[in-house]
Amino acid sequence: MKLKNVLIVVKDIEKAKQFYHELFGLDAVLESDGNVILTEGLVLQDEEIWKQALGKDVLTGSNACELYFEEKNIEAFAEKLEKTYPALCCVNHLAPCGPGRKMLRFYDPDGHLIEVRTPDCL
């Protein structure tokens, strides 16, 4: 068995595509009926499709999981994040997290927790 994708529910597909492209360089690979597959296997799905499929409302900001990214130049990333999306809720500002490593956590526009950390080996 092989994990193929991770799907997150978003209110506005176009806004989410722009967010993940601007900050992480993810591009759309396939778009179909309220679903967008981005490079690296992240899938965006329109909230209405998800609600219809489950018959339940979407819960945001649950803190039950996070998307994890690594970035060598985390200082430049933190600056870009603050400049491009100043209104986003930052959970942890740029801080040390072990010998020679730094990290930050924030929520995307749909309330998904994201962690960005420097790689173990630079």
PDB file of N, CA and C in Angstrom:
ATOM      1  N   MET A   1       0.847  -1.172   0.000  1.00  0.00           N
ATOM      2  CA  MET A   1       0.000   0.000   0.000  1.00  0.00           C
ATOM      3  C   MET A   1       0.896   1.239   0.000  1.00  0.00           C
ATOM      4  N   LYS A   2       0.389   2.315  -0.609  1.00  0.00           N
ATOM      5  CA  LYS A   2       1.171   3.546  -0.743  1.00  0.00           C
ATOM      6  C   LYS A   2       0.264   4.749  -0.515  1.00  0.00           C
ATOM      7  N   LEU A   3       0.693   5.665   0.351  1.00  0.00           N
ATOM      8  CA  LEU A   3      -0.048   6.918   0.540  1.00  0.00           C
ATOM      9  C   LEU A   3       0.190   7.794  -0.685  1.00  0.00           C
ATOM     10  N   LYS A   4      -0.881   8.241  -1.305  1.00  0.00           N
ATOM     11  CA  LYS A   4      -0.769   9.014  -2.540  1.00  0.00           C
ATOM     12  C   LYS A   4      -0.883  10.520  -2.334  1.00  0.00           C
ATOM     13  N   ASN A   5      -1.794  10.955  -1.470  1.00  0.00           N
ATOM     14  CA  ASN A   5      -2.038  12.382  -1.310  1.00  0.00           C
ATOM     15  C   ASN A   5      -2.503  12.685   0.107  1.00  0.00           C
ATOM     16  N   VAL A   6      -2.435  13.962   0.442  1.00  0.00           N
ATOM     17  CA  VAL A   6      -3.053  14.495   1.658  1.00  0.00           C
ATOM     18  C   VAL A   6      -4.025  15.560   1.186  1.00  0.00           C
ATOM     19  N   LEU A   7      -5.282  15.463   1.630  1.00  0.00           N
ATOM     20  CA  LEU A   7      -6.329  16.366   1.189  1.00  0.00           C
ATOM     21  C   LEU A   7      -6.716  17.311   2.326  1.00  0.00           C
ATOM     22  N   ILE A   8      -6.814  18.590   1.993  1.00  0.00           N
ATOM     23  CA  ILE A   8      -7.327  19.572   2.947  1.00  0.00           C
ATOM     24  C   ILE A   8      -8.521  20.277   2.322  1.00  0.00           C
ATOM     25  N   VAL A   9      -9.460  20.651   3.156  1.00  0.00           N
ATOM     26  CA  VAL A   9     -10.684  21.309   2.709  1.00  0.00           C
ATOM     27  C   VAL A   9     -10.479  22.823   2.780  1.00  0.00           C
ATOM     28  N   VAL A  10     -10.873  23.522   1.714  1.00  0.00           N
ATOM     29  CA  VAL A  10     -10.689  24.970   1.641  1.00  0.00           C
ATOM     30  C   VAL A  10     -11.982  25.657   1.218  1.00  0.00           C
ATOM     31  N   LYS A  11     -12.148  26.878   1.663  1.00  0.00           N
ATOM     32  CA  LYS A  11     -13.335  27.662   1.313  1.00  0.00           C
ATOM     33  C   LYS A  11     -13.252  28.221  -0.109  1.00  0.00           C
ATOM     34  N   ASP A  12     -12.043  28.589  -0.531  1.00  0.00           N
ATOM     35  CA  ASP A  12     -11.845  29.225  -1.830  1.00  0.00           C
ATOM     36  C   ASP A  12     -10.627  28.585  -2.492  1.00  0.00           C
ATOM     37  N   ILE A  13     -10.888  27.736  -3.486  1.00  0.00           N
ATOM     38  CA  ILE A  13      -9.821  27.000  -4.168  1.00  0.00           C
ATOM     39  C   ILE A  13      -8.776  27.948  -4.766  1.00  0.00           C
ATOM     40  N   GLU A  14      -9.223  29.000  -5.439  1.00  0.00           N
ATOM     41  CA  GLU A  14      -8.273  29.912  -6.089  1.00  0.00           C
ATOM     42  C   GLU A  14      -7.377  30.605  -5.065  1.00  0.00           C
ATOM     43  N   LYS A  15      -7.963  31.047  -3.978  1.00  0.00           N
ATOM     44  CA  LYS A  15      -7.194  31.701  -2.913  1.00  0.00           C
ATOM     45  C   LYS A  15      -6.182  30.722  -2.301  1.00  0.00           C
ATOM     46  N   ALA A  16      -6.605  29.474  -2.080  1.00  0.00           N
ATOM     47  CA  ALA A  16      -5.714  28.459  -1.511  1.00  0.00           C
ATOM     48  C   ALA A  16      -4.586  28.111  -2.486  1.00  0.00           C
ATOM     49  N   LYS A  17      -4.912  27.991  -3.772  1.00  0.00           N
ATOM     50  CA  LYS A  17      -3.871  27.727  -4.776  1.00  0.00           C
ATOM     51  C   LYS A  17      -2.824  28.828  -4.765  1.00  0.00           C
ATOM     52  N   GLN A  18      -3.280  30.070  -4.704  1.00  0.00           N
ATOM     53  CA  GLN A  18      -2.361  31.207  -4.686  1.00  0.00           C
ATOM     54  C   GLN A  18      -1.481  31.168  -3.432  1.00  0.00           C
ATOM     55  N   PHE A  19      -2.084  30.900  -2.281  1.00  0.00           N
ATOM     56  CA  PHE A  19      -1.358  30.843  -1.019  1.00  0.00           C
ATOM     57  C   PHE A  19      -0.240  29.793  -1.075  1.00  0.00           C
ATOM     58  N   TYR A  20      -0.589  28.572  -1.475  1.00  0.00           N
ATOM     59  CA  TYR A  20       0.400  27.496  -1.481  1.00  0.00           C
ATOM     60  C   TYR A  20       1.438  27.668  -2.583  1.00  0.00           C
ATOM     61  N   HIS A  21       1.083  28.368  -3.652  1.00  0.00           N
ATOM     62  CA  HIS A  21       2.073  28.661  -4.682  1.00  0.00           C
ATOM     63  C   HIS A  21       3.029  29.760  -4.215  1.00  0.00           C
ATOM     64  N   GLU A  22       2.478  30.862  -3.710  1.00  0.00           N
ATOM     65  CA  GLU A  22       3.313  31.993  -3.298  1.00  0.00           C
ATOM     66  C   GLU A  22       4.301  31.625  -2.191  1.00  0.00           C
ATOM     67  N   LEU A  23       3.838  30.890  -1.198  1.00  0.00           N
ATOM     68  CA  LEU A  23       4.708  30.597  -0.056  1.00  0.00           C
ATOM     69  C   LEU A  23       5.561  29.350  -0.227  1.00  0.00           C
ATOM     70  N   PHE A  24       5.036  28.321  -0.874  1.00  0.00           N
ATOM     71  CA  PHE A  24       5.725  27.035  -0.910  1.00  0.00           C
ATOM     72  C   PHE A  24       6.123  26.578  -2.310  1.00  0.00           C
ATOM     73  N   GLY A  25       5.728  27.347  -3.329  1.00  0.00           N
ATOM     74  CA  GLY A  25       6.092  26.995  -4.695  1.00  0.00           C
ATOM     75  C   GLY A  25       5.329  25.803  -5.245  1.00  0.00           C
ATOM     76  N   LEU A  26       4.196  25.455  -4.639  1.00  0.00           N
ATOM     77  CA  LEU A  26       3.405  24.324  -5.121  1.00  0.00           C
ATOM     78  C   LEU A  26       2.547  24.770  -6.308  1.00  0.00           C
ATOM     79  N   ASP A  27       2.534  23.950  -7.336  1.00  0.00           N
ATOM     80  CA  ASP A  27       1.782  24.263  -8.543  1.00  0.00           C
ATOM     81  C   ASP A  27       0.675  23.244  -8.757  1.00  0.00           C
ATOM     82  N   ALA A  28      -0.372  23.655  -9.435  1.00  0.00           N
ATOM     83  CA  ALA A  28      -1.481  22.754  -9.757  1.00  0.00           C
ATOM     84  C   ALA A  28      -1.020  21.746 -10.805  1.00  0.00           C
ATOM     85  N   VAL A  29      -1.272  20.474 -10.525  1.00  0.00           N
ATOM     86  CA  VAL A  29      -0.951  19.392 -11.447  1.00  0.00           C
ATOM     87  C   VAL A  29      -2.210  18.967 -12.187  1.00  0.00           C
ATOM     88  N   LEU A  30      -3.338  18.942 -11.454  1.00  0.00           N
ATOM     89  CA  LEU A  30      -4.605  18.520 -12.026  1.00  0.00           C
ATOM     90  C   LEU A  30      -5.736  19.240 -11.317  1.00  0.00           C
ATOM     91  N   GLU A  31      -6.701  19.743 -12.085  1.00  0.00           N
ATOM     92  CA  GLU A  31      -7.872  20.413 -11.521  1.00  0.00           C
ATOM     93  C   GLU A  31      -9.118  19.756 -12.070  1.00  0.00           C
ATOM     94  N   SER A  32     -10.046  19.387 -11.156  1.00  0.00           N
ATOM     95  CA  SER A  32     -11.252  18.712 -11.606  1.00  0.00           C
ATOM     96  C   SER A  32     -12.362  18.842 -10.577  1.00  0.00           C
ATOM     97  N   ASP A  33     -13.470  19.457 -10.962  1.00  0.00           N
ATOM     98  CA  ASP A  33     -14.694  19.490 -10.156  1.00  0.00           C
ATOM     99  C   ASP A  33     -14.478  19.798  -8.674  1.00  0.00           C
ATOM    100  N   GLY A  34     -13.888  20.934  -8.375  1.00  0.00           N
ATOM    101  CA  GLY A  34     -13.718  21.335  -6.982  1.00  0.00           C
ATOM    102  C   GLY A  34     -12.555  20.686  -6.276  1.00  0.00           C
ATOM    103  N   ASN A  35     -11.679  20.031  -7.014  1.00  0.00           N
ATOM    104  CA  ASN A  35     -10.473  19.426  -6.465  1.00  0.00           C
ATOM    105  C   ASN A  35      -9.264  19.903  -7.253  1.00  0.00           C
ATOM    106  N   VAL A  36      -8.172  20.165  -6.548  1.00  0.00           N
ATOM    107  CA  VAL A  36      -6.923  20.549  -7.194  1.00  0.00           C
ATOM    108  C   VAL A  36      -5.809  19.746  -6.558  1.00  0.00           C
ATOM    109  N   ILE A  37      -5.068  19.030  -7.387  1.00  0.00           N
ATOM    110  CA  ILE A  37      -3.881  18.321  -6.903  1.00  0.00           C
ATOM    111  C   ILE A  37      -2.691  19.231  -7.161  1.00  0.00           C
ATOM    112  N   LEU A  38      -1.948  19.516  -6.092  1.00  0.00           N
ATOM    113  CA  LEU A  38      -0.752  20.336  -6.188  1.00  0.00           C
ATOM    114  C   LEU A  38       0.485  19.445  -6.188  1.00  0.00           C
ATOM    115  N   THR A  39       1.587  19.996  -6.659  1.00  0.00           N
ATOM    116  CA  THR A  39       2.842  19.265  -6.577  1.00  0.00           C
ATOM    117  C   THR A  39       3.104  18.906  -5.116  1.00  0.00           C
ATOM    118  N   GLU A  40       3.873  17.890  -4.890  1.00  0.00           N
ATOM    119  CA  GLU A  40       4.190  17.340  -3.565  1.00  0.00           C
ATOM    120  C   GLU A  40       3.023  16.570  -2.967  1.00  0.00           C
ATOM    121  N   GLY A  41       1.913  16.399  -3.715  1.00  0.00           N
ATOM    122  CA  GLY A  41       0.824  15.548  -3.265  1.00  0.00           C
ATOM    123  C   GLY A  41      -0.228  16.197  -2.390  1.00  0.00           C
ATOM    124  N   LEU A  42      -0.204  17.501  -2.253  1.00  0.00           N
ATOM    125  CA  LEU A  42      -1.241  18.182  -1.475  1.00  0.00           C
ATOM    126  C   LEU A  42      -2.463  18.385  -2.358  1.00  0.00           C
ATOM    127  N   VAL A  43      -3.637  17.988  -1.857  1.00  0.00           N
ATOM    128  CA  VAL A  43      -4.887  18.146  -2.599  1.00  0.00           C
ATOM    129  C   VAL A  43      -5.771  19.149  -1.878  1.00  0.00           C
ATOM    130  N   LEU A  44      -6.323  20.073  -2.631  1.00  0.00           N
ATOM    131  CA  LEU A  44      -7.281  21.048  -2.118  1.00  0.00           C
ATOM    132  C   LEU A  44      -8.661  20.616  -2.584  1.00  0.00           C
ATOM    133  N   GLN A  45      -9.618  20.611  -1.662  1.00  0.00           N
ATOM    134  CA  GLN A  45     -10.989  20.276  -2.057  1.00  0.00           C
ATOM    135  C   GLN A  45     -11.923  21.366  -1.556  1.00  0.00           C
ATOM    136  N   ASP A  46     -12.849  21.762  -2.423  1.00  0.00           N
ATOM    137  CA  ASP A  46     -13.835  22.770  -2.091  1.00  0.00           C
ATOM    138  C   ASP A  46     -14.677  22.309  -0.897  1.00  0.00           C
ATOM    139  N   GLU A  47     -14.883  23.205   0.040  1.00  0.00           N
ATOM    140  CA  GLU A  47     -15.616  22.913   1.269  1.00  0.00           C
ATOM    141  C   GLU A  47     -17.013  22.346   1.009  1.00  0.00           C
ATOM    142  N   GLU A  48     -17.699  22.869   0.005  1.00  0.00           N
ATOM    143  CA  GLU A  48     -19.061  22.402  -0.275  1.00  0.00           C
ATOM    144  C   GLU A  48     -19.090  20.938  -0.694  1.00  0.00           C
ATOM    145  N   ILE A  49     -18.112  20.500  -1.459  1.00  0.00           N
ATOM    146  CA  ILE A  49     -18.037  19.090  -1.866  1.00  0.00           C
ATOM    147  C   ILE A  49     -17.844  18.207  -0.634  1.00  0.00           C
ATOM    148  N   TRP A  50     -16.969  18.626   0.250  1.00  0.00           N
ATOM    149  CA  TRP A  50     -16.686  17.876   1.475  1.00  0.00           C
ATOM    150  C   TRP A  50     -17.930  17.786   2.357  1.00  0.00           C
ATOM    151  N   LYS A  51     -18.619  18.911   2.511  1.00  0.00           N
ATOM    152  CA  LYS A  51     -19.828  18.935   3.342  1.00  0.00           C
ATOM    153  C   LYS A  51     -20.905  18.006   2.771  1.00  0.00           C
ATOM    154  N   GLN A  52     -21.064  18.020   1.452  1.00  0.00           N
ATOM    155  CA  GLN A  52     -22.063  17.145   0.821  1.00  0.00           C
ATOM    156  C   GLN A  52     -21.677  15.670   0.987  1.00  0.00           C
ATOM    157  N   ALA A  53     -20.410  15.366   0.865  1.00  0.00           N
ATOM    158  CA  ALA A  53     -19.955  13.975   0.951  1.00  0.00           C
ATOM    159  C   ALA A  53     -20.144  13.414   2.351  1.00  0.00           C
ATOM    160  N   LEU A  54     -19.891  14.236   3.373  1.00  0.00           N
ATOM    161  CA  LEU A  54     -19.988  13.763   4.751  1.00  0.00           C
ATOM    162  C   LEU A  54     -21.307  14.090   5.426  1.00  0.00           C
ATOM    163  N   GLY A  55     -21.998  15.088   4.901  1.00  0.00           N
ATOM    164  CA  GLY A  55     -23.227  15.525   5.552  1.00  0.00           C
ATOM    165  C   GLY A  55     -22.965  16.213   6.875  1.00  0.00           C
ATOM    166  N   LYS A  56     -21.777  16.796   7.004  1.00  0.00           N
ATOM    167  CA  LYS A  56     -21.394  17.489   8.244  1.00  0.00           C
ATOM    168  C   LYS A  56     -20.681  18.787   7.905  1.00  0.00           C
ATOM    169  N   ASP A  57     -20.675  19.708   8.866  1.00  0.00           N
ATOM    170  CA  ASP A  57     -19.925  20.951   8.691  1.00  0.00           C
ATOM    171  C   ASP A  57     -18.431  20.685   8.843  1.00  0.00           C
ATOM    172  N   VAL A  58     -17.643  21.541   8.246  1.00  0.00           N
ATOM    173  CA  VAL A  58     -16.194  21.456   8.348  1.00  0.00           C
ATOM    174  C   VAL A  58     -15.752  22.159   9.627  1.00  0.00           C
ATOM    175  N   LEU A  59     -14.892  21.509  10.389  1.00  0.00           N
ATOM    176  CA  LEU A  59     -14.328  22.104  11.602  1.00  0.00           C
ATOM    177  C   LEU A  59     -12.929  22.607  11.286  1.00  0.00           C
ATOM    178  N   THR A  60     -12.696  23.887  11.496  1.00  0.00           N
ATOM    179  CA  THR A  60     -11.370  24.439  11.219  1.00  0.00           C
ATOM    180  C   THR A  60     -10.647  24.715  12.527  1.00  0.00           C
ATOM    181  N   GLY A  61      -9.322  24.796  12.433  1.00  0.00           N
ATOM    182  CA  GLY A  61      -8.516  25.122  13.593  1.00  0.00           C
ATOM    183  C   GLY A  61      -8.555  24.074  14.690  1.00  0.00           C
ATOM    184  N   SER A  62      -8.699  22.794  14.319  1.00  0.00           N
ATOM    185  CA  SER A  62      -8.835  21.744  15.334  1.00  0.00           C
ATOM    186  C   SER A  62      -7.511  21.376  15.987  1.00  0.00           C
ATOM    187  N   ASN A  63      -6.399  21.756  15.401  1.00  0.00           N
ATOM    188  CA  ASN A  63      -5.071  21.447  15.930  1.00  0.00           C
ATOM    189  C   ASN A  63      -4.821  19.949  16.023  1.00  0.00           C
ATOM    190  N   ALA A  64      -5.521  19.145  15.236  1.00  0.00           N
ATOM    191  CA  ALA A  64      -5.364  17.696  15.280  1.00  0.00           C
ATOM    192  C   ALA A  64      -4.252  17.210  14.343  1.00  0.00           C
ATOM    193  N   CYS A  65      -3.814  18.060  13.428  1.00  0.00           N
ATOM    194  CA  CYS A  65      -2.741  17.683  12.511  1.00  0.00           C
ATOM    195  C   CYS A  65      -2.090  18.955  11.977  1.00  0.00           C
ATOM    196  N   GLU A  66      -0.988  18.780  11.267  1.00  0.00           N
ATOM    197  CA  GLU A  66      -0.338  19.934  10.653  1.00  0.00           C
ATOM    198  C   GLU A  66       0.329  19.521   9.355  1.00  0.00           C
ATOM    199  N   LEU A  67       0.518  20.476   8.485  1.00  0.00           N
ATOM    200  CA  LEU A  67       1.320  20.289   7.289  1.00  0.00           C
ATOM    201  C   LEU A  67       2.731  20.717   7.656  1.00  0.00           C
ATOM    202  N   TYR A  68       3.712  19.896   7.327  1.00  0.00           N
ATOM    203  CA  TYR A  68       5.102  20.140   7.731  1.00  0.00           C
ATOM    204  C   TYR A  68       5.964  20.373   6.496  1.00  0.00           C
ATOM    205  N   PHE A  69       6.697  21.479   6.506  1.00  0.00           N
ATOM    206  CA  PHE A  69       7.604  21.825   5.425  1.00  0.00           C
ATOM    207  C   PHE A  69       8.990  22.096   6.005  1.00  0.00           C
ATOM    208  N   GLU A  70      10.020  21.882   5.195  1.00  0.00           N
ATOM    209  CA  GLU A  70      11.382  22.240   5.587  1.00  0.00           C
ATOM    210  C   GLU A  70      11.897  23.299   4.630  1.00  0.00           C
ATOM    211  N   GLU A  71      12.649  24.245   5.189  1.00  0.00           N
ATOM    212  CA  GLU A  71      13.178  25.362   4.405  1.00  0.00           C
ATOM    213  C   GLU A  71      14.567  25.720   4.927  1.00  0.00           C
ATOM    214  N   LYS A  72      15.549  25.703   4.047  1.00  0.00           N
ATOM    215  CA  LYS A  72      16.930  26.033   4.449  1.00  0.00           C
ATOM    216  C   LYS A  72      17.048  27.493   4.884  1.00  0.00           C
ATOM    217  N   ASN A  73      16.457  28.400   4.114  1.00  0.00           N
ATOM    218  CA  ASN A  73      16.552  29.828   4.424  1.00  0.00           C
ATOM    219  C   ASN A  73      15.275  30.272   5.138  1.00  0.00           C
ATOM    220  N   ILE A  74      15.131  29.828   6.363  1.00  0.00           N
ATOM    221  CA  ILE A  74      13.877  30.063   7.103  1.00  0.00           C
ATOM    222  C   ILE A  74      13.679  31.526   7.475  1.00  0.00           C
ATOM    223  N   GLU A  75      14.768  32.260   7.650  1.00  0.00           N
ATOM    224  CA  GLU A  75      14.629  33.690   7.959  1.00  0.00           C
ATOM    225  C   GLU A  75      13.961  34.417   6.795  1.00  0.00           C
ATOM    226  N   ALA A  76      14.402  34.115   5.567  1.00  0.00           N
ATOM    227  CA  ALA A  76      13.800  34.739   4.385  1.00  0.00           C
ATOM    228  C   ALA A  76      12.340  34.297   4.240  1.00  0.00           C
ATOM    229  N   PHE A  77      12.059  33.021   4.550  1.00  0.00           N
ATOM    230  CA  PHE A  77      10.681  32.543   4.477  1.00  0.00           C
ATOM    231  C   PHE A  77       9.806  33.283   5.485  1.00  0.00           C
ATOM    232  N   ALA A  78      10.287  33.439   6.714  1.00  0.00           N
ATOM    233  CA  ALA A  78       9.513  34.129   7.756  1.00  0.00           C
ATOM    234  C   ALA A  78       9.224  35.573   7.345  1.00  0.00           C
ATOM    235  N   GLU A  79      10.203  36.214   6.743  1.00  0.00           N
ATOM    236  CA  GLU A  79      10.023  37.590   6.273  1.00  0.00           C
ATOM    237  C   GLU A  79       8.982  37.647   5.153  1.00  0.00           C
ATOM    238  N   LYS A  80       9.063  36.700   4.219  1.00  0.00           N
ATOM    239  CA  LYS A  80       8.104  36.634   3.109  1.00  0.00           C
ATOM    240  C   LYS A  80       6.693  36.379   3.639  1.00  0.00           C
ATOM    241  N   LEU A  81       6.560  35.467   4.596  1.00  0.00           N
ATOM    242  CA  LEU A  81       5.261  35.161   5.190  1.00  0.00           C
ATOM    243  C   LEU A  81       4.655  36.409   5.822  1.00  0.00           C
ATOM    244  N   GLU A  82       5.447  37.114   6.600  1.00  0.00           N
ATOM    245  CA  GLU A  82       4.951  38.309   7.294  1.00  0.00           C
ATOM    246  C   GLU A  82       4.579  39.414   6.315  1.00  0.00           C
ATOM    247  N   LYS A  83       5.362  39.539   5.256  1.00  0.00           N
ATOM    248  CA  LYS A  83       5.109  40.589   4.267  1.00  0.00           C
ATOM    249  C   LYS A  83       3.902  40.253   3.388  1.00  0.00           C
ATOM    250  N   THR A  84       3.803  38.991   2.957  1.00  0.00           N
ATOM    251  CA  THR A  84       2.763  38.579   2.020  1.00  0.00           C
ATOM    252  C   THR A  84       1.421  38.335   2.695  1.00  0.00           C
ATOM    253  N   TYR A  85       1.454  37.760   3.900  1.00  0.00           N
ATOM    254  CA  TYR A  85       0.228  37.410   4.626  1.00  0.00           C
ATOM    255  C   TYR A  85       0.304  37.901   6.079  1.00  0.00           C
ATOM    256  N   PRO A  86       0.330  39.217   6.280  1.00  0.00           N
ATOM    257  CA  PRO A  86       0.510  39.752   7.638  1.00  0.00           C
ATOM    258  C   PRO A  86      -0.648  39.443   8.592  1.00  0.00           C
ATOM    259  N   ALA A  87      -1.821  39.158   8.071  1.00  0.00           N
ATOM    260  CA  ALA A  87      -2.988  38.934   8.933  1.00  0.00           C
ATOM    261  C   ALA A  87      -3.114  37.481   9.416  1.00  0.00           C
ATOM    262  N   LEU A  88      -2.262  36.580   8.915  1.00  0.00           N
ATOM    263  CA  LEU A  88      -2.363  35.179   9.340  1.00  0.00           C
ATOM    264  C   LEU A  88      -2.037  35.033  10.816  1.00  0.00           C
ATOM    265  N   CYS A  89      -2.691  34.093  11.447  1.00  0.00           N
ATOM    266  CA  CYS A  89      -2.457  33.816  12.859  1.00  0.00           C
ATOM    267  C   CYS A  89      -1.175  33.019  13.008  1.00  0.00           C
ATOM    268  N   CYS A  90      -0.219  33.591  13.700  1.00  0.00           N
ATOM    269  CA  CYS A  90       1.059  32.931  13.945  1.00  0.00           C
ATOM    270  C   CYS A  90       0.995  32.257  15.317  1.00  0.00           C
ATOM    271  N   VAL A  91       1.252  30.954  15.366  1.00  0.00           N
ATOM    272  CA  VAL A  91       1.226  30.200  16.612  1.00  0.00           C
ATOM    273  C   VAL A  91       2.563  30.335  17.326  1.00  0.00           C
ATOM    274  N   ASN A  92       3.646  30.111  16.589  1.00  0.00           N
ATOM    275  CA  ASN A  92       5.008  30.272  17.101  1.00  0.00           C
ATOM    276  C   ASN A  92       5.775  31.124  16.113  1.00  0.00           C
ATOM    277  N   HIS A  93       6.278  32.243  16.562  1.00  0.00           N
ATOM    278  CA  HIS A  93       7.146  33.044  15.701  1.00  0.00           C
ATOM    279  C   HIS A  93       8.473  32.326  15.564  1.00  0.00           C
ATOM    280  N   LEU A  94       9.287  32.741  14.618  1.00  0.00           N
ATOM    281  CA  LEU A  94      10.578  32.114  14.359  1.00  0.00           C
ATOM    282  C   LEU A  94      11.356  31.970  15.658  1.00  0.00           C
ATOM    283  N   ALA A  95      11.728  30.724  15.982  1.00  0.00           N
ATOM    284  CA  ALA A  95      12.404  30.449  17.248  1.00  0.00           C
ATOM    285  C   ALA A  95      13.327  29.245  17.095  1.00  0.00           C
ATOM    286  N   PRO A  96      14.353  29.166  17.934  1.00  0.00           N
ATOM    287  CA  PRO A  96      15.231  27.994  17.915  1.00  0.00           C
ATOM    288  C   PRO A  96      14.459  26.740  18.329  1.00  0.00           C
ATOM    289  N   CYS A  97      14.853  25.605  17.765  1.00  0.00           N
ATOM    290  CA  CYS A  97      14.202  24.333  18.119  1.00  0.00           C
ATOM    291  C   CYS A  97      15.216  23.202  18.072  1.00  0.00           C
ATOM    292  N   GLY A  98      16.318  23.388  18.727  1.00  0.00           N
ATOM    293  CA  GLY A  98      17.378  22.385  18.731  1.00  0.00           C
ATOM    294  C   GLY A  98      18.648  22.985  18.166  1.00  0.00           C
ATOM    295  N   PRO A  99      19.715  22.257  18.266  1.00  0.00           N
ATOM    296  CA  PRO A  99      21.017  22.778  17.807  1.00  0.00           C
ATOM    297  C   PRO A  99      21.008  23.188  16.337  1.00  0.00           C
ATOM    298  N   GLY A 100      21.149  24.480  16.090  1.00  0.00           N
ATOM    299  CA  GLY A 100      21.236  25.001  14.732  1.00  0.00           C
ATOM    300  C   GLY A 100      19.949  24.986  13.935  1.00  0.00           C
ATOM    301  N   ARG A 101      18.827  24.702  14.567  1.00  0.00           N
ATOM    302  CA  ARG A 101      17.556  24.637  13.843  1.00  0.00           C
ATOM    303  C   ARG A 101      16.598  25.716  14.337  1.00  0.00           C
ATOM    304  N   LYS A 102      15.701  26.113  13.438  1.00  0.00           N
ATOM    305  CA  LYS A 102      14.662  27.089  13.778  1.00  0.00           C
ATOM    306  C   LYS A 102      13.343  26.608  13.202  1.00  0.00           C
ATOM    307  N   MET A 103      12.252  27.114  13.766  1.00  0.00           N
ATOM    308  CA  MET A 103      10.928  26.736  13.278  1.00  0.00           C
ATOM    309  C   MET A 103       9.927  27.840  13.539  1.00  0.00           C
ATOM    310  N   LEU A 104       8.804  27.756  12.822  1.00  0.00           N
ATOM    311  CA  LEU A 104       7.663  28.620  13.084  1.00  0.00           C
ATOM    312  C   LEU A 104       6.405  27.850  12.709  1.00  0.00           C
ATOM    313  N   ARG A 105       5.310  28.214  13.360  1.00  0.00           N
ATOM    314  CA  ARG A 105       4.007  27.601  13.073  1.00  0.00           C
ATOM    315  C   ARG A 105       2.987  28.711  12.878  1.00  0.00           C
ATOM    316  N   PHE A 106       2.061  28.451  11.959  1.00  0.00           N
ATOM    317  CA  PHE A 106       1.010  29.419  11.670  1.00  0.00           C
ATOM    318  C   PHE A 106      -0.148  28.678  11.026  1.00  0.00           C
ATOM    319  N   TYR A 107      -1.281  29.347  10.920  1.00  0.00           N
ATOM    320  CA  TYR A 107      -2.453  28.780  10.256  1.00  0.00           C
ATOM    321  C   TYR A 107      -2.571  29.353   8.848  1.00  0.00           C
ATOM    322  N   ASP A 108      -2.956  28.496   7.902  1.00  0.00           N
ATOM    323  CA  ASP A 108      -3.232  28.994   6.565  1.00  0.00           C
ATOM    324  C   ASP A 108      -4.587  29.722   6.587  1.00  0.00           C
ATOM    325  N   PRO A 109      -5.002  30.341   5.489  1.00  0.00           N
ATOM    326  CA  PRO A 109      -6.266  31.097   5.496  1.00  0.00           C
ATOM    327  C   PRO A 109      -7.511  30.267   5.855  1.00  0.00           C
ATOM    328  N   ASP A 110      -7.427  28.927   5.750  1.00  0.00           N
ATOM    329  CA  ASP A 110      -8.555  28.065   6.084  1.00  0.00           C
ATOM    330  C   ASP A 110      -8.429  27.412   7.453  1.00  0.00           C
ATOM    331  N   GLY A 111      -7.428  27.800   8.226  1.00  0.00           N
ATOM    332  CA  GLY A 111      -7.284  27.284   9.583  1.00  0.00           C
ATOM    333  C   GLY A 111      -6.488  25.998   9.713  1.00  0.00           C
ATOM    334  N   HIS A 112      -5.747  25.617   8.673  1.00  0.00           N
ATOM    335  CA  HIS A 112      -4.893  24.433   8.751  1.00  0.00           C
ATOM    336  C   HIS A 112      -3.548  24.829   9.354  1.00  0.00           C
ATOM    337  N   LEU A 113      -3.102  24.078  10.348  1.00  0.00           N
ATOM    338  CA  LEU A 113      -1.838  24.359  11.011  1.00  0.00           C
ATOM    339  C   LEU A 113      -0.676  23.958  10.111  1.00  0.00           C
ATOM    340  N   ILE A 114       0.302  24.839  10.000  1.00  0.00           N
ATOM    341  CA  ILE A 114       1.497  24.602   9.176  1.00  0.00           C
ATOM    342  C   ILE A 114       2.720  24.834  10.031  1.00  0.00           C
ATOM    343  N   GLU A 115       3.672  23.935   9.931  1.00  0.00           N
ATOM    344  CA  GLU A 115       4.974  24.107  10.578  1.00  0.00           C
ATOM    345  C   GLU A 115       6.037  24.172   9.486  1.00  0.00           C
ATOM    346  N   VAL A 116       6.944  25.141   9.632  1.00  0.00           N
ATOM    347  CA  VAL A 116       8.092  25.243   8.743  1.00  0.00           C
ATOM    348  C   VAL A 116       9.318  25.212   9.638  1.00  0.00           C
ATOM    349  N   ARG A 117      10.264  24.351   9.275  1.00  0.00           N
ATOM    350  CA  ARG A 117      11.448  24.126  10.108  1.00  0.00           C
ATOM    351  C   ARG A 117      12.664  23.992   9.204  1.00  0.00           C
ATOM    352  N   THR A 118      13.807  24.354   9.725  1.00  0.00           N
ATOM    353  CA  THR A 118      15.039  24.106   8.964  1.00  0.00           C
ATOM    354  C   THR A 118      15.303  22.609   8.969  1.00  0.00           C
ATOM    355  N   PRO A 119      15.895  22.094   7.900  1.00  0.00           N
ATOM    356  CA  PRO A 119      16.183  20.658   7.830  1.00  0.00           C
ATOM    357  C   PRO A 119      17.201  20.239   8.899  1.00  0.00           C
ATOM    358  N   ASP A 120      17.211  18.945   9.216  1.00  0.00           N
ATOM    359  CA  ASP A 120      18.182  18.407  10.187  1.00  0.00           C
ATOM    360  C   ASP A 120      19.601  18.683   9.736  1.00  0.00           C
ATOM    361  N   CYS A 121      19.868  18.436   8.484  1.00  0.00           N
ATOM    362  CA  CYS A 121      21.226  18.623   7.931  1.00  0.00           C
ATOM    363  C   CYS A 121      21.183  19.724   6.889  1.00  0.00           C
ATOM    364  N   LEU A 122      21.933  20.781   7.131  1.00  0.00           N
ATOM    365  CA  LEU A 122      21.936  21.888   6.161  1.00  0.00           C
ATOM    366  C   LEU A 122      23.030  21.717   5.150  1.00  0.00           C
TER     367      LEU A 122
END
